[in-house]
Structures are given as C-alpha cells and as structure tokens.
N, C-alpha and C. Protein backbone atom coordinates (compact mmCIF):
# COMPACT_ATOMS: atom_id res chain seq x y z
N UNK A 1 -12.23 -14.89 -4.03
CA UNK A 1 -13.21 -14.50 -3.01
C UNK A 1 -14.39 -13.83 -3.67
N UNK A 2 -15.60 -14.25 -3.30
CA UNK A 2 -16.80 -13.67 -3.90
C UNK A 2 -17.27 -12.50 -3.05
N UNK A 3 -17.12 -11.29 -3.59
CA UNK A 3 -17.57 -10.10 -2.87
C UNK A 3 -18.69 -9.41 -3.61
N UNK A 4 -19.35 -10.13 -4.52
CA UNK A 4 -20.35 -9.49 -5.36
C UNK A 4 -21.49 -8.88 -4.55
N UNK A 5 -21.79 -9.47 -3.40
CA UNK A 5 -22.89 -8.94 -2.59
C UNK A 5 -22.56 -7.60 -1.98
N UNK A 6 -21.27 -7.24 -2.03
CA UNK A 6 -20.86 -5.99 -1.40
C UNK A 6 -20.40 -4.96 -2.43
N UNK A 7 -20.70 -5.19 -3.70
CA UNK A 7 -20.33 -4.23 -4.73
C UNK A 7 -21.00 -2.89 -4.46
N UNK A 8 -20.26 -1.82 -4.79
CA UNK A 8 -20.83 -0.48 -4.63
C UNK A 8 -21.99 -0.31 -5.60
N UNK A 9 -22.98 0.48 -5.26
CA UNK A 9 -24.09 0.70 -6.17
C UNK A 9 -23.62 1.40 -7.43
N UNK A 10 -24.32 1.16 -8.50
CA UNK A 10 -23.95 1.78 -9.77
C UNK A 10 -23.96 3.29 -9.63
N UNK A 11 -22.96 3.95 -10.21
CA UNK A 11 -22.84 5.39 -10.13
C UNK A 11 -22.62 5.95 -11.51
N UNK A 12 -22.89 7.20 -11.65
CA UNK A 12 -22.70 7.88 -12.93
C UNK A 12 -21.25 8.32 -13.04
N UNK A 13 -20.46 7.71 -13.96
CA UNK A 13 -19.06 8.08 -14.09
C UNK A 13 -18.87 9.55 -14.42
N UNK A 14 -19.88 10.18 -14.96
CA UNK A 14 -19.77 11.59 -15.32
C UNK A 14 -20.02 12.51 -14.14
N UNK A 15 -20.48 11.93 -13.02
CA UNK A 15 -20.76 12.75 -11.85
C UNK A 15 -19.48 13.36 -11.31
N UNK A 16 -19.61 14.49 -10.66
CA UNK A 16 -18.44 15.16 -10.10
C UNK A 16 -17.81 14.28 -9.03
N UNK A 17 -16.49 14.21 -8.99
CA UNK A 17 -15.83 13.40 -7.95
C UNK A 17 -16.07 14.00 -6.58
N UNK A 18 -15.94 13.20 -5.54
CA UNK A 18 -16.11 13.72 -4.18
C UNK A 18 -14.97 14.67 -3.83
N UNK A 19 -15.11 15.36 -2.72
CA UNK A 19 -14.07 16.27 -2.28
C UNK A 19 -12.75 15.52 -2.09
N UNK A 20 -11.67 16.15 -2.53
CA UNK A 20 -10.36 15.51 -2.39
C UNK A 20 -9.81 15.75 -0.99
N UNK A 21 -9.23 14.73 -0.37
CA UNK A 21 -8.58 14.94 0.92
C UNK A 21 -7.41 15.92 0.76
N UNK A 22 -6.99 16.50 1.85
CA UNK A 22 -5.82 17.37 1.83
C UNK A 22 -4.63 16.55 1.35
N UNK A 23 -3.90 17.00 0.32
CA UNK A 23 -2.75 16.23 -0.18
C UNK A 23 -1.74 15.94 0.93
N UNK A 24 -1.23 14.73 0.93
CA UNK A 24 -0.22 14.35 1.93
C UNK A 24 1.16 14.66 1.33
N UNK A 25 1.74 15.75 1.75
CA UNK A 25 3.04 16.18 1.20
C UNK A 25 4.18 15.94 2.18
N UNK A 26 3.90 15.26 3.29
CA UNK A 26 4.93 15.02 4.30
C UNK A 26 5.95 14.00 3.83
N UNK A 27 7.13 14.05 4.42
CA UNK A 27 8.18 13.08 4.15
C UNK A 27 8.10 11.98 5.19
N UNK A 28 7.59 10.82 4.78
CA UNK A 28 7.35 9.72 5.72
C UNK A 28 8.57 8.82 5.92
N UNK A 29 9.73 9.20 5.38
CA UNK A 29 10.90 8.35 5.55
C UNK A 29 11.32 8.22 7.02
N UNK A 30 10.80 9.09 7.88
CA UNK A 30 11.12 9.00 9.31
C UNK A 30 10.64 7.68 9.92
N UNK A 31 9.70 7.00 9.26
CA UNK A 31 9.21 5.74 9.83
C UNK A 31 10.28 4.65 9.80
N UNK A 32 11.36 4.88 9.06
CA UNK A 32 12.47 3.92 9.07
C UNK A 32 13.35 4.11 10.31
N UNK A 33 13.15 5.20 11.03
CA UNK A 33 14.00 5.52 12.17
C UNK A 33 13.30 5.42 13.52
N UNK A 34 11.97 5.51 13.52
CA UNK A 34 11.25 5.44 14.79
C UNK A 34 9.85 4.88 14.57
N UNK A 35 9.28 4.40 15.66
CA UNK A 35 7.96 3.77 15.63
C UNK A 35 6.89 4.77 15.23
N UNK A 36 5.95 4.33 14.38
CA UNK A 36 4.84 5.19 13.98
C UNK A 36 3.88 5.28 15.16
N UNK A 37 3.61 6.49 15.66
CA UNK A 37 2.73 6.62 16.83
C UNK A 37 1.27 6.31 16.53
N UNK A 38 0.89 6.28 15.27
CA UNK A 38 -0.50 6.00 14.91
C UNK A 38 -0.74 4.50 14.77
N UNK A 39 -0.10 3.89 13.78
CA UNK A 39 -0.38 2.48 13.50
C UNK A 39 0.47 1.52 14.32
N UNK A 40 1.52 2.03 14.97
CA UNK A 40 2.37 1.19 15.80
C UNK A 40 3.47 0.45 15.06
N UNK A 41 3.58 0.64 13.77
CA UNK A 41 4.61 -0.05 12.99
C UNK A 41 5.99 0.41 13.42
N UNK A 42 6.88 -0.55 13.65
CA UNK A 42 8.25 -0.25 14.07
C UNK A 42 9.20 -0.91 13.09
N UNK A 43 9.71 -0.14 12.13
CA UNK A 43 10.55 -0.68 11.07
C UNK A 43 11.82 -1.34 11.61
N UNK A 44 12.32 -0.84 12.72
CA UNK A 44 13.55 -1.39 13.28
C UNK A 44 13.37 -2.80 13.81
N UNK A 45 12.13 -3.18 14.05
CA UNK A 45 11.84 -4.52 14.56
C UNK A 45 11.36 -5.47 13.45
N UNK A 46 11.48 -5.04 12.21
CA UNK A 46 11.07 -5.87 11.08
C UNK A 46 12.30 -6.21 10.24
N UNK A 47 12.59 -7.47 10.09
CA UNK A 47 13.67 -7.90 9.21
C UNK A 47 13.18 -7.88 7.77
N UNK A 48 14.02 -7.41 6.88
CA UNK A 48 13.62 -7.34 5.47
C UNK A 48 13.16 -8.69 4.95
N UNK A 49 13.78 -9.76 5.44
CA UNK A 49 13.42 -11.11 4.98
C UNK A 49 12.03 -11.54 5.45
N UNK A 50 11.46 -10.81 6.39
CA UNK A 50 10.10 -11.11 6.85
C UNK A 50 9.03 -10.33 6.09
N UNK A 51 9.45 -9.35 5.29
CA UNK A 51 8.48 -8.45 4.68
C UNK A 51 7.54 -9.18 3.72
N UNK A 52 8.05 -10.14 2.96
CA UNK A 52 7.20 -10.84 1.99
C UNK A 52 6.00 -11.48 2.67
N UNK A 53 6.24 -12.20 3.77
CA UNK A 53 5.15 -12.86 4.48
C UNK A 53 4.20 -11.84 5.08
N UNK A 54 4.73 -10.71 5.54
CA UNK A 54 3.89 -9.69 6.14
C UNK A 54 3.05 -8.98 5.10
N UNK A 55 3.60 -8.81 3.89
CA UNK A 55 2.81 -8.25 2.79
C UNK A 55 1.64 -9.17 2.48
N UNK A 56 1.91 -10.47 2.42
CA UNK A 56 0.83 -11.43 2.16
C UNK A 56 -0.26 -11.33 3.22
N UNK A 57 0.15 -11.12 4.48
CA UNK A 57 -0.83 -10.99 5.55
C UNK A 57 -1.68 -9.73 5.39
N UNK A 58 -1.05 -8.61 5.01
CA UNK A 58 -1.83 -7.40 4.81
C UNK A 58 -2.81 -7.58 3.64
N UNK A 59 -2.41 -8.32 2.63
CA UNK A 59 -3.30 -8.54 1.49
C UNK A 59 -4.56 -9.27 1.94
N UNK A 60 -4.40 -10.28 2.77
CA UNK A 60 -5.57 -10.99 3.31
C UNK A 60 -6.47 -10.04 4.07
N UNK A 61 -5.89 -9.16 4.85
CA UNK A 61 -6.67 -8.22 5.64
C UNK A 61 -7.42 -7.23 4.74
N UNK A 62 -6.75 -6.80 3.66
CA UNK A 62 -7.42 -5.87 2.75
C UNK A 62 -8.58 -6.54 2.03
N UNK A 63 -8.45 -7.81 1.71
CA UNK A 63 -9.57 -8.52 1.08
C UNK A 63 -10.74 -8.61 2.04
N UNK A 64 -10.46 -8.75 3.33
CA UNK A 64 -11.53 -8.73 4.33
C UNK A 64 -12.20 -7.36 4.38
N UNK A 65 -11.41 -6.30 4.34
CA UNK A 65 -11.95 -4.93 4.35
C UNK A 65 -12.93 -4.74 3.20
N UNK A 66 -12.59 -5.30 2.05
CA UNK A 66 -13.42 -5.09 0.86
C UNK A 66 -14.75 -5.83 0.90
N UNK A 67 -14.98 -6.66 1.91
CA UNK A 67 -16.28 -7.32 2.05
C UNK A 67 -17.24 -6.54 2.94
N UNK A 68 -16.81 -5.42 3.48
CA UNK A 68 -17.69 -4.63 4.36
C UNK A 68 -18.89 -4.08 3.58
N UNK A 69 -20.02 -4.06 4.24
CA UNK A 69 -21.22 -3.51 3.61
C UNK A 69 -21.07 -2.02 3.31
N UNK A 70 -20.33 -1.30 4.15
CA UNK A 70 -20.18 0.14 3.97
C UNK A 70 -18.83 0.50 3.38
N UNK A 71 -18.26 -0.42 2.59
CA UNK A 71 -16.90 -0.23 2.09
C UNK A 71 -16.74 1.04 1.26
N UNK A 72 -17.80 1.48 0.58
CA UNK A 72 -17.72 2.66 -0.28
C UNK A 72 -18.13 3.95 0.43
N UNK A 73 -18.40 3.87 1.71
CA UNK A 73 -18.88 5.04 2.46
C UNK A 73 -17.71 5.79 3.09
N UNK A 74 -17.66 7.08 2.84
CA UNK A 74 -16.63 7.91 3.46
C UNK A 74 -17.02 8.24 4.90
N UNK A 75 -16.07 8.15 5.85
CA UNK A 75 -16.39 8.52 7.23
C UNK A 75 -16.52 10.03 7.42
N UNK A 76 -15.98 10.79 6.48
CA UNK A 76 -16.07 12.25 6.48
C UNK A 76 -15.90 12.70 5.03
N UNK A 77 -16.40 13.88 4.69
CA UNK A 77 -16.37 14.31 3.29
C UNK A 77 -14.99 14.33 2.64
N UNK A 78 -13.95 14.60 3.42
CA UNK A 78 -12.61 14.67 2.84
C UNK A 78 -11.71 13.53 3.31
N UNK A 79 -12.31 12.42 3.72
CA UNK A 79 -11.55 11.24 4.12
C UNK A 79 -11.94 10.08 3.21
N UNK A 80 -10.95 9.42 2.63
CA UNK A 80 -11.23 8.31 1.73
C UNK A 80 -12.06 7.23 2.42
N UNK A 81 -12.90 6.58 1.64
CA UNK A 81 -13.62 5.40 2.10
C UNK A 81 -12.65 4.22 2.14
N UNK A 82 -13.00 3.14 2.83
CA UNK A 82 -12.16 1.94 2.77
C UNK A 82 -11.92 1.47 1.34
N UNK A 83 -12.91 1.61 0.48
CA UNK A 83 -12.74 1.23 -0.92
C UNK A 83 -11.66 2.07 -1.59
N UNK A 84 -11.68 3.37 -1.35
CA UNK A 84 -10.67 4.24 -1.96
C UNK A 84 -9.27 3.92 -1.42
N UNK A 85 -9.20 3.65 -0.12
CA UNK A 85 -7.91 3.25 0.44
C UNK A 85 -7.44 1.94 -0.19
N UNK A 86 -8.35 1.01 -0.41
CA UNK A 86 -7.97 -0.27 -1.02
C UNK A 86 -7.46 -0.06 -2.45
N UNK A 87 -8.09 0.84 -3.19
CA UNK A 87 -7.59 1.16 -4.54
C UNK A 87 -6.17 1.71 -4.46
N UNK A 88 -5.96 2.59 -3.49
CA UNK A 88 -4.63 3.16 -3.30
C UNK A 88 -3.61 2.07 -2.97
N UNK A 89 -3.96 1.16 -2.08
CA UNK A 89 -3.05 0.08 -1.70
C UNK A 89 -2.75 -0.82 -2.90
N UNK A 90 -3.76 -1.13 -3.69
CA UNK A 90 -3.53 -1.90 -4.92
C UNK A 90 -2.47 -1.22 -5.78
N UNK A 91 -2.57 0.10 -5.93
CA UNK A 91 -1.63 0.82 -6.76
C UNK A 91 -0.27 0.97 -6.10
N UNK A 92 -0.23 1.02 -4.77
CA UNK A 92 1.05 1.03 -4.05
C UNK A 92 1.81 -0.26 -4.37
N UNK A 93 1.12 -1.39 -4.35
CA UNK A 93 1.77 -2.66 -4.71
C UNK A 93 2.38 -2.56 -6.11
N UNK A 94 1.65 -2.05 -7.05
CA UNK A 94 2.12 -1.97 -8.42
C UNK A 94 3.30 -1.03 -8.56
N UNK A 95 3.21 0.13 -7.93
CA UNK A 95 4.28 1.12 -8.02
C UNK A 95 5.56 0.59 -7.39
N UNK A 96 5.44 -0.02 -6.23
CA UNK A 96 6.64 -0.50 -5.55
C UNK A 96 7.21 -1.76 -6.20
N UNK A 97 6.40 -2.53 -6.85
CA UNK A 97 6.97 -3.66 -7.60
C UNK A 97 7.82 -3.14 -8.76
N UNK A 98 7.34 -2.10 -9.42
CA UNK A 98 8.13 -1.51 -10.50
C UNK A 98 9.43 -0.94 -9.96
N UNK A 99 9.36 -0.27 -8.81
CA UNK A 99 10.57 0.30 -8.21
C UNK A 99 11.55 -0.82 -7.80
N UNK A 100 11.01 -1.89 -7.25
CA UNK A 100 11.87 -3.02 -6.90
C UNK A 100 12.55 -3.59 -8.14
N UNK A 101 11.80 -3.76 -9.21
CA UNK A 101 12.38 -4.28 -10.45
C UNK A 101 13.50 -3.37 -10.95
N UNK A 102 13.29 -2.05 -10.87
CA UNK A 102 14.33 -1.12 -11.29
C UNK A 102 15.59 -1.29 -10.44
N UNK A 103 15.41 -1.40 -9.13
CA UNK A 103 16.55 -1.50 -8.23
C UNK A 103 17.32 -2.81 -8.41
N UNK A 104 16.62 -3.86 -8.80
CA UNK A 104 17.29 -5.15 -8.98
C UNK A 104 17.95 -5.30 -10.34
N UNK A 105 17.58 -4.46 -11.29
CA UNK A 105 18.10 -4.61 -12.65
C UNK A 105 18.95 -3.43 -13.12
N UNK A 106 18.90 -2.30 -12.40
CA UNK A 106 19.68 -1.13 -12.79
C UNK A 106 20.51 -0.65 -11.60
N UNK A 107 21.58 0.05 -11.90
CA UNK A 107 22.42 0.59 -10.84
C UNK A 107 21.90 1.93 -10.38
N UNK A 108 21.50 2.00 -9.11
CA UNK A 108 21.03 3.22 -8.45
C UNK A 108 20.03 4.01 -9.30
N UNK A 109 18.93 3.39 -9.70
CA UNK A 109 17.94 4.10 -10.53
C UNK A 109 17.18 5.15 -9.75
N UNK A 110 16.59 6.10 -10.47
CA UNK A 110 15.65 7.05 -9.87
C UNK A 110 14.26 6.67 -10.36
N UNK A 111 13.33 6.56 -9.40
CA UNK A 111 11.99 6.12 -9.75
C UNK A 111 11.21 7.24 -10.41
N UNK A 112 10.32 6.89 -11.35
CA UNK A 112 9.38 7.89 -11.88
C UNK A 112 8.49 8.40 -10.76
N UNK A 113 8.12 9.66 -10.82
CA UNK A 113 7.24 10.23 -9.80
C UNK A 113 5.85 9.63 -9.92
N UNK A 114 5.19 9.46 -8.77
CA UNK A 114 3.80 8.99 -8.73
C UNK A 114 3.00 9.94 -7.87
N UNK A 115 2.02 10.57 -8.46
CA UNK A 115 1.14 11.49 -7.74
C UNK A 115 -0.08 10.69 -7.29
N UNK A 116 -0.08 10.25 -6.05
CA UNK A 116 -1.15 9.37 -5.56
C UNK A 116 -2.49 10.09 -5.48
N UNK A 117 -2.47 11.38 -5.19
CA UNK A 117 -3.73 12.12 -5.10
C UNK A 117 -4.36 12.28 -6.49
N UNK A 118 -3.53 12.54 -7.46
CA UNK A 118 -4.03 12.67 -8.84
C UNK A 118 -4.56 11.34 -9.34
N UNK A 119 -3.86 10.25 -8.98
CA UNK A 119 -4.31 8.92 -9.41
C UNK A 119 -5.70 8.62 -8.88
N UNK A 120 -5.96 8.99 -7.63
CA UNK A 120 -7.26 8.72 -7.02
C UNK A 120 -8.38 9.44 -7.76
N UNK A 121 -8.11 10.67 -8.20
CA UNK A 121 -9.12 11.46 -8.90
C UNK A 121 -9.30 10.96 -10.33
N UNK A 122 -8.17 10.78 -11.04
CA UNK A 122 -8.26 10.41 -12.45
C UNK A 122 -8.83 9.01 -12.64
N UNK A 123 -8.53 8.10 -11.71
CA UNK A 123 -9.02 6.73 -11.83
C UNK A 123 -10.37 6.52 -11.13
N UNK A 124 -10.90 7.60 -10.53
CA UNK A 124 -12.19 7.55 -9.84
C UNK A 124 -12.26 6.36 -8.89
N UNK A 125 -11.35 6.35 -7.93
CA UNK A 125 -11.36 5.32 -6.91
C UNK A 125 -12.75 5.18 -6.27
N UNK A 126 -13.45 6.30 -6.15
CA UNK A 126 -14.75 6.29 -5.48
C UNK A 126 -15.80 5.48 -6.23
N UNK A 127 -15.59 5.25 -7.52
CA UNK A 127 -16.57 4.52 -8.33
C UNK A 127 -16.17 3.06 -8.59
N UNK A 128 -15.07 2.64 -8.00
CA UNK A 128 -14.57 1.29 -8.25
C UNK A 128 -15.54 0.23 -7.71
N UNK A 129 -15.51 -0.94 -8.32
CA UNK A 129 -16.31 -2.08 -7.87
C UNK A 129 -15.47 -2.88 -6.87
N UNK A 130 -15.95 -3.08 -5.66
CA UNK A 130 -15.16 -3.80 -4.66
C UNK A 130 -14.67 -5.17 -5.11
N UNK A 131 -15.50 -5.92 -5.82
CA UNK A 131 -15.09 -7.25 -6.27
C UNK A 131 -13.91 -7.16 -7.22
N UNK A 132 -13.93 -6.18 -8.11
CA UNK A 132 -12.83 -5.99 -9.05
C UNK A 132 -11.57 -5.56 -8.32
N UNK A 133 -11.72 -4.63 -7.38
CA UNK A 133 -10.57 -4.16 -6.60
C UNK A 133 -9.97 -5.32 -5.80
N UNK A 134 -10.82 -6.17 -5.23
CA UNK A 134 -10.33 -7.31 -4.46
C UNK A 134 -9.47 -8.22 -5.34
N UNK A 135 -9.94 -8.48 -6.55
CA UNK A 135 -9.17 -9.35 -7.44
C UNK A 135 -7.84 -8.69 -7.82
N UNK A 136 -7.88 -7.43 -8.15
CA UNK A 136 -6.67 -6.72 -8.57
C UNK A 136 -5.69 -6.55 -7.42
N UNK A 137 -6.21 -6.22 -6.24
CA UNK A 137 -5.33 -6.05 -5.08
C UNK A 137 -4.69 -7.39 -4.71
N UNK A 138 -5.46 -8.47 -4.78
CA UNK A 138 -4.91 -9.78 -4.48
C UNK A 138 -3.78 -10.16 -5.40
N UNK A 139 -3.97 -9.93 -6.69
CA UNK A 139 -2.92 -10.25 -7.66
C UNK A 139 -1.69 -9.38 -7.43
N UNK A 140 -1.91 -8.09 -7.23
CA UNK A 140 -0.79 -7.16 -7.05
C UNK A 140 -0.03 -7.46 -5.76
N UNK A 141 -0.75 -7.71 -4.66
CA UNK A 141 -0.10 -7.99 -3.39
C UNK A 141 0.66 -9.30 -3.41
N UNK A 142 0.04 -10.34 -3.95
CA UNK A 142 0.70 -11.64 -4.01
C UNK A 142 1.92 -11.58 -4.92
N UNK A 143 1.83 -10.81 -6.01
CA UNK A 143 2.95 -10.69 -6.92
C UNK A 143 4.14 -10.01 -6.26
N UNK A 144 3.86 -8.95 -5.51
CA UNK A 144 4.94 -8.24 -4.82
C UNK A 144 5.53 -9.11 -3.72
N UNK A 145 4.69 -9.83 -2.99
CA UNK A 145 5.18 -10.72 -1.93
C UNK A 145 6.11 -11.79 -2.51
N UNK A 146 5.72 -12.35 -3.66
CA UNK A 146 6.54 -13.39 -4.28
C UNK A 146 7.88 -12.84 -4.74
N UNK A 147 7.87 -11.62 -5.28
CA UNK A 147 9.12 -11.04 -5.76
C UNK A 147 10.04 -10.71 -4.59
N UNK A 148 9.48 -10.21 -3.50
CA UNK A 148 10.30 -9.92 -2.32
C UNK A 148 10.87 -11.20 -1.72
N UNK A 149 10.11 -12.28 -1.79
CA UNK A 149 10.58 -13.55 -1.24
C UNK A 149 11.79 -14.08 -1.99
N UNK A 150 11.97 -13.65 -3.23
CA UNK A 150 13.10 -14.10 -4.04
C UNK A 150 14.35 -13.26 -3.85
N UNK A 151 14.23 -12.12 -3.16
CA UNK A 151 15.40 -11.27 -2.93
C UNK A 151 16.32 -11.95 -1.92
N UNK A 152 17.62 -11.90 -2.17
CA UNK A 152 18.55 -12.57 -1.26
C UNK A 152 19.92 -11.88 -1.28
N UNK A 153 20.71 -12.21 -0.28
CA UNK A 153 22.10 -11.78 -0.23
C UNK A 153 22.31 -10.29 -0.47
N UNK A 154 23.24 -9.99 -1.37
CA UNK A 154 23.62 -8.62 -1.65
C UNK A 154 22.54 -7.81 -2.34
N UNK A 155 21.49 -8.46 -2.84
CA UNK A 155 20.40 -7.72 -3.48
C UNK A 155 19.74 -6.75 -2.50
N UNK A 156 19.73 -7.10 -1.21
CA UNK A 156 19.08 -6.23 -0.23
C UNK A 156 19.80 -4.89 -0.11
N UNK A 157 21.05 -4.83 -0.50
CA UNK A 157 21.82 -3.60 -0.37
C UNK A 157 21.81 -2.75 -1.64
N UNK A 158 21.18 -3.23 -2.70
CA UNK A 158 21.12 -2.44 -3.93
C UNK A 158 20.33 -1.16 -3.67
N UNK A 159 20.67 -0.11 -4.39
CA UNK A 159 20.14 1.22 -4.08
C UNK A 159 19.25 1.78 -5.19
N UNK A 160 18.48 2.79 -4.79
CA UNK A 160 17.63 3.52 -5.72
C UNK A 160 17.13 4.76 -5.02
N UNK A 161 16.50 5.66 -5.76
CA UNK A 161 16.06 6.89 -5.13
C UNK A 161 14.82 7.48 -5.76
N UNK A 162 14.09 8.27 -4.97
CA UNK A 162 12.91 8.97 -5.45
C UNK A 162 13.32 10.28 -6.12
N UNK A 163 12.36 10.85 -6.83
CA UNK A 163 12.62 12.11 -7.54
C UNK A 163 12.87 13.27 -6.58
N UNK A 164 12.42 13.12 -5.31
CA UNK A 164 12.63 14.20 -4.34
C UNK A 164 13.97 14.07 -3.61
N UNK A 165 14.77 13.08 -4.01
CA UNK A 165 16.09 12.93 -3.42
C UNK A 165 16.19 11.88 -2.33
N UNK A 166 15.08 11.33 -1.86
CA UNK A 166 15.13 10.30 -0.83
C UNK A 166 15.80 9.04 -1.39
N UNK A 167 16.76 8.52 -0.64
CA UNK A 167 17.53 7.35 -1.09
C UNK A 167 17.16 6.12 -0.28
N UNK A 168 17.12 4.97 -0.95
CA UNK A 168 16.75 3.71 -0.32
C UNK A 168 17.67 2.60 -0.76
N UNK A 169 17.78 1.58 0.07
CA UNK A 169 18.26 0.27 -0.37
C UNK A 169 17.01 -0.58 -0.57
N UNK A 170 17.18 -1.76 -1.17
CA UNK A 170 16.02 -2.66 -1.29
C UNK A 170 15.49 -2.98 0.11
N UNK A 171 16.38 -3.14 1.07
CA UNK A 171 15.98 -3.41 2.45
C UNK A 171 15.10 -2.29 3.00
N UNK A 172 15.58 -1.06 2.95
CA UNK A 172 14.80 0.04 3.54
C UNK A 172 13.54 0.33 2.75
N UNK A 173 13.60 0.16 1.43
CA UNK A 173 12.40 0.39 0.62
C UNK A 173 11.32 -0.63 0.97
N UNK A 174 11.73 -1.88 1.17
CA UNK A 174 10.76 -2.93 1.49
C UNK A 174 10.04 -2.62 2.80
N UNK A 175 10.77 -2.16 3.80
CA UNK A 175 10.15 -1.87 5.10
C UNK A 175 9.34 -0.58 5.04
N UNK A 176 9.80 0.40 4.27
CA UNK A 176 9.04 1.64 4.08
C UNK A 176 7.70 1.34 3.39
N UNK A 177 7.74 0.52 2.37
CA UNK A 177 6.54 0.11 1.62
C UNK A 177 5.58 -0.65 2.53
N UNK A 178 6.11 -1.54 3.38
CA UNK A 178 5.26 -2.30 4.28
C UNK A 178 4.51 -1.38 5.24
N UNK A 179 5.19 -0.34 5.71
CA UNK A 179 4.50 0.60 6.60
C UNK A 179 3.28 1.19 5.93
N UNK A 180 3.37 1.52 4.66
CA UNK A 180 2.23 2.10 3.96
C UNK A 180 1.02 1.17 4.02
N UNK A 181 1.24 -0.11 3.80
CA UNK A 181 0.15 -1.08 3.82
C UNK A 181 -0.46 -1.20 5.21
N UNK A 182 0.41 -1.26 6.21
CA UNK A 182 -0.05 -1.40 7.59
C UNK A 182 -0.77 -0.14 8.06
N UNK A 183 -0.21 1.01 7.73
CA UNK A 183 -0.79 2.27 8.19
C UNK A 183 -2.19 2.47 7.63
N UNK A 184 -2.40 2.10 6.39
CA UNK A 184 -3.73 2.29 5.80
C UNK A 184 -4.74 1.29 6.36
N UNK A 185 -4.28 0.12 6.81
CA UNK A 185 -5.19 -0.76 7.54
C UNK A 185 -5.65 -0.08 8.82
N UNK A 186 -4.72 0.60 9.48
CA UNK A 186 -5.09 1.37 10.68
C UNK A 186 -6.06 2.49 10.30
N UNK A 187 -5.84 3.14 9.16
CA UNK A 187 -6.73 4.20 8.71
C UNK A 187 -8.18 3.73 8.60
N UNK A 188 -8.37 2.48 8.16
CA UNK A 188 -9.73 1.98 7.97
C UNK A 188 -10.22 1.14 9.15
N UNK A 189 -9.46 1.16 10.24
CA UNK A 189 -9.90 0.48 11.46
C UNK A 189 -9.80 -1.03 11.43
N UNK A 190 -8.92 -1.58 10.58
CA UNK A 190 -8.75 -3.03 10.54
C UNK A 190 -7.93 -3.49 11.74
N UNK A 191 -8.38 -4.53 12.39
CA UNK A 191 -7.74 -5.02 13.61
C UNK A 191 -6.38 -5.64 13.30
N UNK A 192 -5.40 -5.39 14.16
CA UNK A 192 -4.06 -5.97 14.03
C UNK A 192 -3.89 -7.01 15.13
N UNK A 193 -3.67 -8.29 14.75
CA UNK A 193 -3.51 -9.33 15.77
C UNK A 193 -2.06 -9.54 16.16
N UNK A 194 -1.19 -8.64 15.71
CA UNK A 194 0.21 -8.72 16.09
C UNK A 194 1.12 -9.32 15.05
N UNK A 195 0.56 -9.92 13.99
CA UNK A 195 1.38 -10.58 12.98
C UNK A 195 2.18 -9.58 12.14
N UNK A 196 1.83 -8.31 12.23
CA UNK A 196 2.50 -7.32 11.39
C UNK A 196 3.65 -6.65 12.12
N UNK A 197 4.05 -7.19 13.25
CA UNK A 197 5.14 -6.58 14.00
C UNK A 197 6.15 -7.65 14.37
N UNK A 198 6.65 -8.37 13.38
CA UNK A 198 7.57 -9.47 13.62
C UNK A 198 8.90 -8.93 14.14
N UNK A 199 9.35 -9.39 15.32
CA UNK A 199 10.63 -8.91 15.85
C UNK A 199 11.79 -9.36 14.97
N UNK A 200 12.79 -8.51 14.85
CA UNK A 200 14.01 -8.86 14.12
C UNK A 200 14.72 -9.97 14.90
N UNK A 201 15.14 -10.98 14.17
CA UNK A 201 15.85 -12.11 14.79
C UNK A 201 17.32 -11.77 14.98
C-alpha cells in the first residue's frame, strides 16, 4: 500500500518527546470474562479458531488508519495519535508472536516483561513514518495471523504466564491479544462493521 502522501512531516529526532500518557497499569485479563464496555469486544463469543482471520481483518483496518491525513496528530496532549497507536499495535503483534512461540515450544514458559510505555518513548513512536509503520505492521500482523491459523488440537490448551503471575492458555492468550487490537481501533475511532465479533459456533 502506498501511503507516501500521508507521511508525517520531517521532525528533529533530538527534539523532546511529547507528553507521555498516564501509564496503563490496570489488569485487563477481565476482558476474558466479560464484554468490554468501551470497544464492545466479547471474548466469550469468539472462538480461538476464528482469531487468525479476525487478526487479519484488524490489520487491514490499521493500514486504513495509517492513510489518514492527520495520522500523526494527537487529539489531546497526553493521548497517543493514531500513528503512535499503530506503532504500539505493530509491537503488540511482535511481542505476542514471541509469546506464542514460547508457549508452543516450551512447557509453561514465563514471558519476558514488556514495558509498552517505555517502548513508545525510546522508539519515538511520535516520529515514525506512516508508510514504514504500515509495512511493518502488515508484516507483523500477517505473520501472527498465519501462525495462529496453524495452531490446532491440544496446542490450544498449552500454557504460559506473564511476569505478574497472570496465566494463559494459547486459547485465552489469543483472545486476550485480539482484544488489544480491537480496542485500539476503537481508541482511534475506526469503524467496526461487525466482523470483529464472530459468534462462537
């Protein structure tokens, strides 16, 4: 996809970063038990075997977001721009693919910690080029979707855990991860046509 016309203007990498949003320290594992009142995602109505296709759909939507003329504009001083959210989603794909690989190849692994707020500052999400982010997000999202599509049988029950003690199966991790992608589309006002709420068969 050619998004060159929507690239952010050149910025001075040495410039001070924008104000950081309030760190999100909440435990979002509750989204596996009840519907998210904000984005409407209902994990109980999503079959793990549907997650791969739904990830691919969110990737398409994020590529559309990255073509916006105001993609690098923050709606408020301490709220990420759509571009910054897209950078975060790109990295969510990468982090969760690594976690999935660990769960499929090791017995009950513990994932390395990922500080998403620190990543945004250190990698200067605010200075990213939309065209580059689109390419990277597309590769990362499609790669994760393909790997999830290959999961089958007893692999869905394999376990792993975060450094804070939260425990997952591949099934619950896949649906938890999908909520992150969907919720951030809601954060940037991307329209949901219903494809992200596939009923469990």
